[in-house]
Amino acid sequence: MTDSAVIYKVKTIDGEVLEISKRAADRSATLIEMLRNCPVDDVENMDPIVLDRAKGTIVKMIIQWCEDHKYQPILKDDKVEHCEEIKNQEKELLKDLDGDGLYDLFEAANWLDVRCLRQKIAKILAAMISGKKHTEIRTIWQLENDFTAEEEAQFSTEDAWNVLVEEMTKREAEKVTENVATPSASTSN
């Protein structure tokens, strides 16, 4: 059986069963790993591959992208220069997605390890927030403001990115310290 004739079935978190060609599935390092032990002769009788981290609508987009790019070289690392610019067909695929949809697509592309797609979405996400103030970014991503008035004032007088990175690093360090102090809380999750 040739690669072009091999069709895999995948099942999404919401129970949708979709098909993807072997050549397109090869764009995903995660699918390659999952399929490593599946004999190609038995593809027709095998159960669908369970993709339990993404909804059908998102997986359909990833499959479409993989099918559209199945004859392109497979990206082996995350070097940006390997990915071509976003093409019109990709813009069409992504045009109706809001910030949340793009983020869901990014997460699924990341989990499925479709590197070039992940990089392209990251560029789009970065462009969405480039040059924006922290308040605008919160609005775009619908993020709750959990900073104090003092911290907010600090953002407006200092370099916001440096303050944000420092604050987030401090908060992460506090979480780690809390988890070390109460190990039963971290193991119960």
N, C-alpha and C. Protein backbone atom coordinates (compact mmCIF):
# COMPACT_ATOMS: atom_id res chain seq x y z
N MET A 1 0.85 -1.18 0.00
CA MET A 1 0.00 0.00 0.00
C MET A 1 0.90 1.24 0.00
N THR A 2 0.65 2.17 -0.93
CA THR A 2 1.47 3.37 -1.01
C THR A 2 1.05 4.38 0.04
N ASP A 3 1.96 5.32 0.35
CA ASP A 3 1.67 6.35 1.34
C ASP A 3 0.42 7.14 0.99
N SER A 4 0.21 7.39 -0.31
CA SER A 4 -0.95 8.20 -0.70
C SER A 4 -2.26 7.45 -0.50
N ALA A 5 -2.22 6.13 -0.45
CA ALA A 5 -3.44 5.35 -0.28
C ALA A 5 -3.76 5.09 1.20
N VAL A 6 -2.81 5.34 2.09
CA VAL A 6 -3.01 5.08 3.51
C VAL A 6 -3.77 6.25 4.13
N ILE A 7 -4.91 5.93 4.73
CA ILE A 7 -5.73 6.94 5.40
C ILE A 7 -5.92 6.50 6.85
N TYR A 8 -5.56 7.41 7.77
CA TYR A 8 -5.76 7.14 9.19
C TYR A 8 -7.03 7.83 9.66
N LYS A 9 -7.63 7.28 10.69
CA LYS A 9 -8.77 7.92 11.33
C LYS A 9 -8.31 8.43 12.68
N VAL A 10 -8.77 9.65 13.01
CA VAL A 10 -8.48 10.23 14.32
C VAL A 10 -9.79 10.60 14.97
N LYS A 11 -9.82 10.51 16.29
CA LYS A 11 -11.03 10.83 17.04
C LYS A 11 -10.71 11.98 17.99
N THR A 12 -11.50 13.04 17.90
CA THR A 12 -11.25 14.24 18.69
C THR A 12 -11.89 14.13 20.08
N ILE A 13 -11.59 15.10 20.91
CA ILE A 13 -12.09 15.10 22.28
C ILE A 13 -13.61 15.13 22.33
N ASP A 14 -14.23 15.72 21.31
CA ASP A 14 -15.69 15.78 21.28
C ASP A 14 -16.30 14.64 20.46
N GLY A 15 -15.50 13.60 20.19
CA GLY A 15 -16.01 12.38 19.57
C GLY A 15 -16.08 12.37 18.06
N GLU A 16 -15.65 13.43 17.41
CA GLU A 16 -15.69 13.48 15.95
C GLU A 16 -14.58 12.62 15.37
N VAL A 17 -14.91 11.79 14.38
CA VAL A 17 -13.92 10.95 13.71
C VAL A 17 -13.59 11.58 12.36
N LEU A 18 -12.31 11.85 12.16
CA LEU A 18 -11.83 12.52 10.95
C LEU A 18 -10.78 11.65 10.27
N GLU A 19 -10.54 11.92 8.99
CA GLU A 19 -9.53 11.16 8.25
C GLU A 19 -8.37 12.06 7.85
N ILE A 20 -7.18 11.47 7.84
CA ILE A 20 -5.98 12.17 7.41
C ILE A 20 -5.09 11.19 6.66
N SER A 21 -4.53 11.63 5.55
CA SER A 21 -3.64 10.77 4.78
C SER A 21 -2.32 10.58 5.53
N LYS A 22 -1.63 9.50 5.24
CA LYS A 22 -0.36 9.24 5.90
C LYS A 22 0.63 10.36 5.63
N ARG A 23 0.67 10.79 4.38
CA ARG A 23 1.62 11.84 4.02
C ARG A 23 1.34 13.13 4.81
N ALA A 24 0.06 13.46 5.00
CA ALA A 24 -0.29 14.65 5.78
C ALA A 24 0.00 14.41 7.27
N ALA A 25 -0.28 13.21 7.75
CA ALA A 25 -0.02 12.88 9.17
C ALA A 25 1.46 12.97 9.48
N ASP A 26 2.31 12.78 8.48
CA ASP A 26 3.75 12.90 8.68
C ASP A 26 4.19 14.31 9.05
N ARG A 27 3.35 15.31 8.89
CA ARG A 27 3.66 16.69 9.31
C ARG A 27 3.65 16.79 10.84
N SER A 28 3.01 15.83 11.51
CA SER A 28 2.85 15.87 12.96
C SER A 28 3.79 14.86 13.61
N ALA A 29 4.75 15.36 14.37
CA ALA A 29 5.68 14.46 15.07
C ALA A 29 4.92 13.61 16.10
N THR A 30 3.86 14.14 16.68
CA THR A 30 3.07 13.38 17.65
C THR A 30 2.37 12.21 16.97
N LEU A 31 1.74 12.46 15.82
CA LEU A 31 1.08 11.37 15.10
C LEU A 31 2.09 10.33 14.64
N ILE A 32 3.24 10.77 14.17
CA ILE A 32 4.29 9.83 13.75
C ILE A 32 4.64 8.90 14.91
N GLU A 33 4.82 9.48 16.08
CA GLU A 33 5.17 8.68 17.26
C GLU A 33 4.05 7.72 17.63
N MET A 34 2.80 8.20 17.58
CA MET A 34 1.66 7.34 17.91
C MET A 34 1.52 6.18 16.93
N LEU A 35 1.88 6.44 15.68
CA LEU A 35 1.69 5.43 14.62
C LEU A 35 2.89 4.53 14.42
N ARG A 36 3.95 4.80 15.11
CA ARG A 36 5.20 4.06 14.92
C ARG A 36 5.01 2.54 14.99
N ASN A 37 4.17 2.08 15.88
CA ASN A 37 3.98 0.64 16.06
C ASN A 37 2.75 0.08 15.35
N CYS A 38 2.13 0.88 14.49
CA CYS A 38 0.95 0.39 13.77
C CYS A 38 1.37 -0.14 12.40
N PRO A 39 1.11 -1.40 12.12
CA PRO A 39 1.44 -1.93 10.79
C PRO A 39 0.52 -1.31 9.75
N VAL A 40 1.11 -0.84 8.66
CA VAL A 40 0.35 -0.16 7.61
C VAL A 40 -0.69 -1.08 6.99
N ASP A 41 -0.45 -2.38 6.97
CA ASP A 41 -1.40 -3.32 6.36
C ASP A 41 -2.73 -3.38 7.09
N ASP A 42 -2.74 -2.97 8.34
CA ASP A 42 -3.95 -3.11 9.15
C ASP A 42 -4.65 -1.78 9.43
N VAL A 43 -4.33 -0.74 8.66
CA VAL A 43 -4.89 0.60 8.90
C VAL A 43 -6.40 0.60 8.81
N GLU A 44 -6.95 -0.12 7.86
CA GLU A 44 -8.40 -0.11 7.66
C GLU A 44 -9.16 -0.67 8.87
N ASN A 45 -8.55 -1.59 9.61
CA ASN A 45 -9.23 -2.22 10.74
C ASN A 45 -8.86 -1.62 12.09
N MET A 46 -7.91 -0.70 12.11
CA MET A 46 -7.49 -0.17 13.40
C MET A 46 -8.47 0.88 13.91
N ASP A 47 -8.55 0.98 15.24
CA ASP A 47 -9.40 1.99 15.87
C ASP A 47 -8.85 3.38 15.56
N PRO A 48 -9.70 4.40 15.59
CA PRO A 48 -9.20 5.76 15.38
C PRO A 48 -8.18 6.14 16.45
N ILE A 49 -7.24 6.95 16.04
CA ILE A 49 -6.23 7.48 16.97
C ILE A 49 -6.93 8.55 17.79
N VAL A 50 -6.87 8.43 19.10
CA VAL A 50 -7.58 9.36 19.97
C VAL A 50 -6.72 10.61 20.20
N LEU A 51 -7.28 11.74 19.81
CA LEU A 51 -6.64 13.03 20.04
C LEU A 51 -7.47 13.73 21.11
N ASP A 52 -7.13 13.48 22.35
CA ASP A 52 -7.96 13.92 23.47
C ASP A 52 -7.67 15.32 23.99
N ARG A 53 -6.97 16.11 23.19
CA ARG A 53 -6.67 17.47 23.64
C ARG A 53 -7.21 18.55 22.70
N ALA A 54 -8.00 18.17 21.70
CA ALA A 54 -8.48 19.17 20.75
C ALA A 54 -9.87 18.81 20.24
N LYS A 55 -10.65 19.85 19.99
CA LYS A 55 -12.00 19.67 19.45
C LYS A 55 -11.93 19.44 17.94
N GLY A 56 -13.01 18.88 17.42
CA GLY A 56 -13.10 18.56 16.00
C GLY A 56 -12.87 19.74 15.09
N THR A 57 -13.42 20.91 15.44
CA THR A 57 -13.25 22.08 14.57
C THR A 57 -11.78 22.47 14.43
N ILE A 58 -11.04 22.36 15.51
CA ILE A 58 -9.62 22.71 15.50
C ILE A 58 -8.82 21.64 14.76
N VAL A 59 -9.10 20.37 15.04
CA VAL A 59 -8.38 19.28 14.37
C VAL A 59 -8.64 19.32 12.87
N LYS A 60 -9.86 19.67 12.45
CA LYS A 60 -10.15 19.80 11.02
C LYS A 60 -9.23 20.82 10.36
N MET A 61 -9.00 21.94 11.04
CA MET A 61 -8.12 22.98 10.50
C MET A 61 -6.68 22.47 10.39
N ILE A 62 -6.24 21.75 11.40
CA ILE A 62 -4.88 21.22 11.37
C ILE A 62 -4.76 20.18 10.26
N ILE A 63 -5.74 19.30 10.14
CA ILE A 63 -5.71 18.31 9.06
C ILE A 63 -5.70 19.00 7.70
N GLN A 64 -6.54 20.03 7.54
CA GLN A 64 -6.57 20.77 6.27
C GLN A 64 -5.20 21.36 5.96
N TRP A 65 -4.57 21.97 6.97
CA TRP A 65 -3.25 22.56 6.77
C TRP A 65 -2.24 21.47 6.40
N CYS A 66 -2.27 20.35 7.12
CA CYS A 66 -1.34 19.25 6.83
C CYS A 66 -1.56 18.69 5.42
N GLU A 67 -2.81 18.55 5.02
CA GLU A 67 -3.11 18.06 3.67
C GLU A 67 -2.61 19.06 2.62
N ASP A 68 -2.80 20.35 2.88
CA ASP A 68 -2.34 21.38 1.93
C ASP A 68 -0.82 21.44 1.83
N HIS A 69 -0.12 20.98 2.86
CA HIS A 69 1.34 21.07 2.91
C HIS A 69 2.03 19.70 2.88
N LYS A 70 1.32 18.67 2.50
CA LYS A 70 1.89 17.32 2.60
C LYS A 70 3.07 17.07 1.67
N TYR A 71 3.25 17.90 0.67
CA TYR A 71 4.39 17.72 -0.23
C TYR A 71 5.54 18.67 0.09
N GLN A 72 5.38 19.47 1.14
CA GLN A 72 6.44 20.37 1.58
C GLN A 72 7.43 19.59 2.45
N PRO A 73 8.67 20.07 2.53
CA PRO A 73 9.62 19.41 3.44
C PRO A 73 9.13 19.48 4.88
N ILE A 74 9.42 18.44 5.64
CA ILE A 74 9.01 18.40 7.04
C ILE A 74 10.02 19.17 7.87
N LEU A 75 9.53 20.07 8.69
CA LEU A 75 10.38 20.88 9.54
C LEU A 75 10.88 20.02 10.70
N LYS A 76 12.18 19.88 10.82
CA LYS A 76 12.77 19.01 11.85
C LYS A 76 13.10 19.77 13.14
N ASP A 77 13.18 21.09 13.06
CA ASP A 77 13.46 21.88 14.25
C ASP A 77 12.62 23.15 14.19
N ASP A 78 12.80 24.04 15.13
CA ASP A 78 11.95 25.22 15.21
C ASP A 78 12.61 26.47 14.64
N LYS A 79 13.52 26.32 13.70
CA LYS A 79 14.16 27.48 13.08
C LYS A 79 13.15 28.16 12.16
N VAL A 80 12.94 29.44 12.41
CA VAL A 80 11.91 30.20 11.71
C VAL A 80 12.17 30.28 10.21
N GLU A 81 13.42 30.35 9.78
CA GLU A 81 13.70 30.53 8.36
C GLU A 81 13.23 29.36 7.49
N HIS A 82 12.92 28.23 8.09
CA HIS A 82 12.44 27.08 7.32
C HIS A 82 11.00 27.24 6.86
N CYS A 83 10.21 28.05 7.54
CA CYS A 83 8.80 28.21 7.19
C CYS A 83 8.63 29.37 6.24
N GLU A 84 7.90 29.13 5.17
CA GLU A 84 7.60 30.20 4.24
C GLU A 84 6.57 31.14 4.86
N GLU A 85 6.36 32.26 4.23
CA GLU A 85 5.38 33.21 4.73
C GLU A 85 3.97 32.63 4.65
N ILE A 86 3.07 33.24 5.35
CA ILE A 86 1.68 32.79 5.37
C ILE A 86 1.06 33.02 3.99
N LYS A 87 0.54 31.96 3.40
CA LYS A 87 -0.02 32.04 2.06
C LYS A 87 -1.50 32.40 2.14
N ASN A 88 -2.05 32.75 0.97
CA ASN A 88 -3.47 33.13 0.91
C ASN A 88 -4.38 32.01 1.41
N GLN A 89 -4.07 30.74 1.05
CA GLN A 89 -4.93 29.64 1.49
C GLN A 89 -4.89 29.50 3.00
N GLU A 90 -3.74 29.81 3.63
CA GLU A 90 -3.65 29.76 5.08
C GLU A 90 -4.40 30.92 5.71
N LYS A 91 -4.31 32.09 5.08
CA LYS A 91 -5.07 33.23 5.59
C LYS A 91 -6.56 32.91 5.54
N GLU A 92 -6.99 32.25 4.50
CA GLU A 92 -8.40 31.85 4.37
C GLU A 92 -8.78 30.88 5.49
N LEU A 93 -7.89 29.94 5.78
CA LEU A 93 -8.14 28.95 6.82
C LEU A 93 -8.26 29.61 8.20
N LEU A 94 -7.47 30.65 8.44
CA LEU A 94 -7.38 31.28 9.75
C LEU A 94 -8.25 32.53 9.91
N LYS A 95 -8.85 33.01 8.83
CA LYS A 95 -9.50 34.33 8.84
C LYS A 95 -10.63 34.48 9.85
N ASP A 96 -11.39 33.45 10.10
CA ASP A 96 -12.55 33.58 10.98
C ASP A 96 -12.24 33.31 12.45
N LEU A 97 -10.98 33.11 12.77
CA LEU A 97 -10.63 32.80 14.16
C LEU A 97 -10.36 34.07 14.94
N ASP A 98 -10.92 34.14 16.13
CA ASP A 98 -10.60 35.23 17.04
C ASP A 98 -9.37 34.82 17.85
N GLY A 99 -9.01 35.62 18.84
CA GLY A 99 -7.84 35.32 19.66
C GLY A 99 -7.93 33.97 20.35
N ASP A 100 -9.10 33.65 20.88
CA ASP A 100 -9.28 32.36 21.56
C ASP A 100 -9.13 31.20 20.59
N GLY A 101 -9.72 31.33 19.41
CA GLY A 101 -9.64 30.28 18.40
C GLY A 101 -8.20 30.07 17.93
N LEU A 102 -7.49 31.18 17.72
CA LEU A 102 -6.08 31.07 17.33
C LEU A 102 -5.27 30.40 18.43
N TYR A 103 -5.57 30.76 19.67
CA TYR A 103 -4.85 30.15 20.79
C TYR A 103 -5.13 28.65 20.86
N ASP A 104 -6.40 28.26 20.68
CA ASP A 104 -6.75 26.83 20.67
C ASP A 104 -6.03 26.10 19.54
N LEU A 105 -5.98 26.74 18.37
CA LEU A 105 -5.28 26.15 17.23
C LEU A 105 -3.78 26.04 17.52
N PHE A 106 -3.22 27.07 18.15
CA PHE A 106 -1.80 27.04 18.52
C PHE A 106 -1.52 25.90 19.50
N GLU A 107 -2.37 25.78 20.52
CA GLU A 107 -2.18 24.71 21.51
C GLU A 107 -2.24 23.32 20.86
N ALA A 108 -3.21 23.13 19.96
CA ALA A 108 -3.35 21.83 19.30
C ALA A 108 -2.17 21.58 18.36
N ALA A 109 -1.75 22.60 17.62
CA ALA A 109 -0.59 22.44 16.72
C ALA A 109 0.66 22.16 17.54
N ASN A 110 0.76 22.76 18.70
CA ASN A 110 1.89 22.51 19.58
C ASN A 110 1.85 21.08 20.11
N TRP A 111 0.70 20.63 20.59
CA TRP A 111 0.57 19.27 21.11
C TRP A 111 0.82 18.23 20.02
N LEU A 112 0.28 18.49 18.84
CA LEU A 112 0.49 17.55 17.72
C LEU A 112 1.87 17.72 17.09
N ASP A 113 2.60 18.72 17.52
CA ASP A 113 3.94 19.01 17.05
C ASP A 113 3.98 19.19 15.53
N VAL A 114 3.11 20.08 15.05
CA VAL A 114 3.11 20.49 13.65
C VAL A 114 3.88 21.82 13.64
N ARG A 115 5.19 21.72 13.51
CA ARG A 115 6.08 22.84 13.80
C ARG A 115 5.85 24.08 12.94
N CYS A 116 5.76 23.92 11.65
CA CYS A 116 5.63 25.09 10.78
C CYS A 116 4.30 25.80 11.04
N LEU A 117 3.23 25.07 11.22
CA LEU A 117 1.94 25.68 11.53
C LEU A 117 2.02 26.40 12.87
N ARG A 118 2.64 25.77 13.84
CA ARG A 118 2.79 26.39 15.16
C ARG A 118 3.54 27.72 15.04
N GLN A 119 4.59 27.75 14.24
CA GLN A 119 5.36 28.99 14.06
C GLN A 119 4.53 30.07 13.39
N LYS A 120 3.75 29.68 12.40
CA LYS A 120 2.94 30.67 11.70
C LYS A 120 1.88 31.26 12.62
N ILE A 121 1.26 30.43 13.43
CA ILE A 121 0.26 30.94 14.36
C ILE A 121 0.92 31.83 15.40
N ALA A 122 2.11 31.45 15.86
CA ALA A 122 2.83 32.28 16.83
C ALA A 122 3.11 33.66 16.25
N LYS A 123 3.45 33.73 14.97
CA LYS A 123 3.68 35.02 14.32
C LYS A 123 2.40 35.86 14.31
N ILE A 124 1.28 35.22 14.03
CA ILE A 124 0.01 35.92 14.01
C ILE A 124 -0.33 36.43 15.42
N LEU A 125 -0.15 35.57 16.42
CA LEU A 125 -0.43 35.95 17.80
C LEU A 125 0.47 37.10 18.23
N ALA A 126 1.73 37.04 17.86
CA ALA A 126 2.67 38.10 18.22
C ALA A 126 2.27 39.42 17.55
N ALA A 127 1.84 39.35 16.29
CA ALA A 127 1.41 40.56 15.58
C ALA A 127 0.17 41.17 16.23
N MET A 128 -0.69 40.32 16.79
CA MET A 128 -1.90 40.82 17.45
C MET A 128 -1.59 41.69 18.66
N ILE A 129 -0.48 41.42 19.35
CA ILE A 129 -0.18 42.18 20.57
C ILE A 129 1.01 43.13 20.41
N SER A 130 1.66 43.09 19.26
CA SER A 130 2.82 43.94 19.04
C SER A 130 2.44 45.42 19.14
N GLY A 131 3.16 46.15 19.97
CA GLY A 131 2.94 47.57 20.13
C GLY A 131 1.74 47.94 20.99
N LYS A 132 1.08 46.96 21.56
CA LYS A 132 -0.10 47.21 22.38
C LYS A 132 0.30 47.43 23.83
N LYS A 133 -0.51 48.20 24.52
CA LYS A 133 -0.31 48.39 25.95
C LYS A 133 -0.86 47.17 26.67
N HIS A 134 -0.42 46.98 27.91
CA HIS A 134 -0.86 45.81 28.67
C HIS A 134 -2.37 45.77 28.85
N THR A 135 -3.00 46.94 28.93
CA THR A 135 -4.46 46.96 29.07
C THR A 135 -5.13 46.48 27.78
N GLU A 136 -4.56 46.83 26.63
CA GLU A 136 -5.11 46.39 25.35
C GLU A 136 -4.92 44.88 25.17
N ILE A 137 -3.77 44.38 25.62
CA ILE A 137 -3.51 42.94 25.53
C ILE A 137 -4.50 42.18 26.40
N ARG A 138 -4.78 42.72 27.58
CA ARG A 138 -5.77 42.08 28.45
C ARG A 138 -7.14 42.03 27.78
N THR A 139 -7.49 43.08 27.08
CA THR A 139 -8.78 43.12 26.39
C THR A 139 -8.80 42.10 25.25
N ILE A 140 -7.73 42.04 24.46
CA ILE A 140 -7.66 41.10 23.34
C ILE A 140 -7.81 39.67 23.84
N TRP A 141 -7.09 39.32 24.90
CA TRP A 141 -7.08 37.95 25.40
C TRP A 141 -8.10 37.70 26.50
N GLN A 142 -8.89 38.72 26.81
CA GLN A 142 -9.91 38.62 27.85
C GLN A 142 -9.30 38.12 29.16
N LEU A 143 -8.20 38.76 29.54
CA LEU A 143 -7.49 38.38 30.75
C LEU A 143 -7.96 39.23 31.93
N GLU A 144 -8.12 38.58 33.07
CA GLU A 144 -8.51 39.27 34.28
C GLU A 144 -7.30 40.03 34.82
N ASN A 145 -7.53 41.24 35.28
CA ASN A 145 -6.46 42.04 35.86
C ASN A 145 -6.28 41.64 37.31
N ASP A 146 -5.16 40.99 37.61
CA ASP A 146 -4.91 40.58 38.99
C ASP A 146 -3.75 41.36 39.61
N PHE A 147 -3.45 42.52 39.02
CA PHE A 147 -2.39 43.36 39.57
C PHE A 147 -3.00 44.43 40.48
N THR A 148 -2.22 44.82 41.47
CA THR A 148 -2.67 45.87 42.39
C THR A 148 -2.56 47.22 41.70
N ALA A 149 -3.17 48.24 42.30
CA ALA A 149 -3.09 49.60 41.74
C ALA A 149 -1.63 50.06 41.70
N GLU A 150 -0.86 49.66 42.69
CA GLU A 150 0.56 50.03 42.74
C GLU A 150 1.32 49.40 41.57
N GLU A 151 1.05 48.13 41.31
CA GLU A 151 1.70 47.45 40.19
C GLU A 151 1.27 48.07 38.85
N GLU A 152 0.00 48.43 38.73
CA GLU A 152 -0.49 49.09 37.52
C GLU A 152 0.24 50.41 37.29
N ALA A 153 0.42 51.19 38.36
CA ALA A 153 1.13 52.46 38.25
C ALA A 153 2.57 52.24 37.81
N GLN A 154 3.16 51.17 38.28
CA GLN A 154 4.53 50.83 37.92
C GLN A 154 4.62 50.53 36.42
N PHE A 155 3.60 49.89 35.86
CA PHE A 155 3.58 49.61 34.42
C PHE A 155 3.61 50.89 33.59
N SER A 156 2.90 51.90 34.04
CA SER A 156 2.81 53.12 33.25
C SER A 156 4.06 53.97 33.33
N THR A 157 4.88 53.79 34.37
CA THR A 157 6.09 54.62 34.51
C THR A 157 7.36 53.90 34.07
N GLU A 158 7.37 52.59 34.09
CA GLU A 158 8.55 51.83 33.70
C GLU A 158 8.27 51.06 32.43
N ASP A 159 9.29 50.39 31.94
CA ASP A 159 9.13 49.52 30.77
C ASP A 159 8.18 48.39 31.16
N ALA A 160 7.00 48.39 30.58
CA ALA A 160 5.95 47.46 30.98
C ALA A 160 6.38 46.00 30.85
N TRP A 161 7.08 45.67 29.79
CA TRP A 161 7.48 44.27 29.59
C TRP A 161 8.43 43.80 30.69
N ASN A 162 9.40 44.65 31.04
CA ASN A 162 10.34 44.27 32.10
C ASN A 162 9.62 44.10 33.43
N VAL A 163 8.71 45.02 33.75
CA VAL A 163 7.95 44.92 34.99
C VAL A 163 7.10 43.66 34.99
N LEU A 164 6.44 43.40 33.85
CA LEU A 164 5.58 42.22 33.75
C LEU A 164 6.39 40.94 33.93
N VAL A 165 7.53 40.85 33.27
CA VAL A 165 8.38 39.65 33.39
C VAL A 165 8.85 39.48 34.83
N GLU A 166 9.28 40.57 35.46
CA GLU A 166 9.73 40.50 36.85
C GLU A 166 8.60 40.03 37.77
N GLU A 167 7.41 40.59 37.57
CA GLU A 167 6.27 40.25 38.42
C GLU A 167 5.87 38.79 38.22
N MET A 168 5.82 38.35 36.97
CA MET A 168 5.43 36.96 36.70
C MET A 168 6.48 35.99 37.25
N THR A 169 7.74 36.34 37.13
CA THR A 169 8.81 35.50 37.67
C THR A 169 8.68 35.40 39.19
N LYS A 170 8.40 36.53 39.82
CA LYS A 170 8.22 36.55 41.28
C LYS A 170 7.04 35.66 41.68
N ARG A 171 5.94 35.76 40.95
CA ARG A 171 4.75 34.96 41.27
C ARG A 171 5.00 33.46 41.06
N GLU A 172 5.71 33.12 40.00
CA GLU A 172 6.05 31.71 39.76
C GLU A 172 6.94 31.17 40.87
N ALA A 173 7.90 31.98 41.31
CA ALA A 173 8.78 31.58 42.41
C ALA A 173 7.97 31.36 43.69
N GLU A 174 6.98 32.21 43.92
CA GLU A 174 6.13 32.05 45.09
C GLU A 174 5.34 30.75 45.02
N LYS A 175 4.83 30.41 43.83
CA LYS A 175 4.09 29.16 43.66
C LYS A 175 4.98 27.96 43.93
N VAL A 176 6.20 28.00 43.42
CA VAL A 176 7.13 26.89 43.64
C VAL A 176 7.43 26.75 45.12
N THR A 177 7.64 27.88 45.79
CA THR A 177 7.92 27.86 47.23
C THR A 177 6.73 27.28 47.99
N GLU A 178 5.51 27.67 47.59
CA GLU A 178 4.31 27.13 48.24
C GLU A 178 4.20 25.63 48.04
N ASN A 179 4.49 25.15 46.84
CA ASN A 179 4.41 23.72 46.54
C ASN A 179 5.46 22.92 47.31
N VAL A 180 6.63 23.50 47.48
CA VAL A 180 7.67 22.82 48.26
C VAL A 180 7.27 22.78 49.72
N ALA A 181 6.67 23.86 50.21
CA ALA A 181 6.27 23.92 51.62
C ALA A 181 5.11 22.99 51.92
N THR A 182 4.22 22.77 50.94
CA THR A 182 3.06 21.89 51.12
C THR A 182 3.02 20.86 50.00
N PRO A 183 3.87 19.83 50.09
CA PRO A 183 3.94 18.84 49.01
C PRO A 183 2.63 18.08 48.79
N SER A 184 1.81 17.93 49.78
CA SER A 184 0.56 17.19 49.59
C SER A 184 -0.38 17.93 48.65
N ALA A 185 -0.30 19.25 48.61
CA ALA A 185 -1.17 20.04 47.70
C ALA A 185 -0.78 19.81 46.25
N SER A 186 0.52 19.68 45.98
CA SER A 186 0.94 19.49 44.59
C SER A 186 0.72 18.06 44.11
N THR A 187 0.70 17.10 45.02
CA THR A 187 0.50 15.72 44.58
C THR A 187 -0.96 15.33 44.48
N SER A 188 -1.85 16.14 45.07
CA SER A 188 -3.26 15.81 45.01
C SER A 188 -3.91 16.22 43.70
N ASN A 189 -3.24 17.05 42.88
CA ASN A 189 -3.80 17.51 41.60
C ASN A 189 -3.66 16.51 40.55
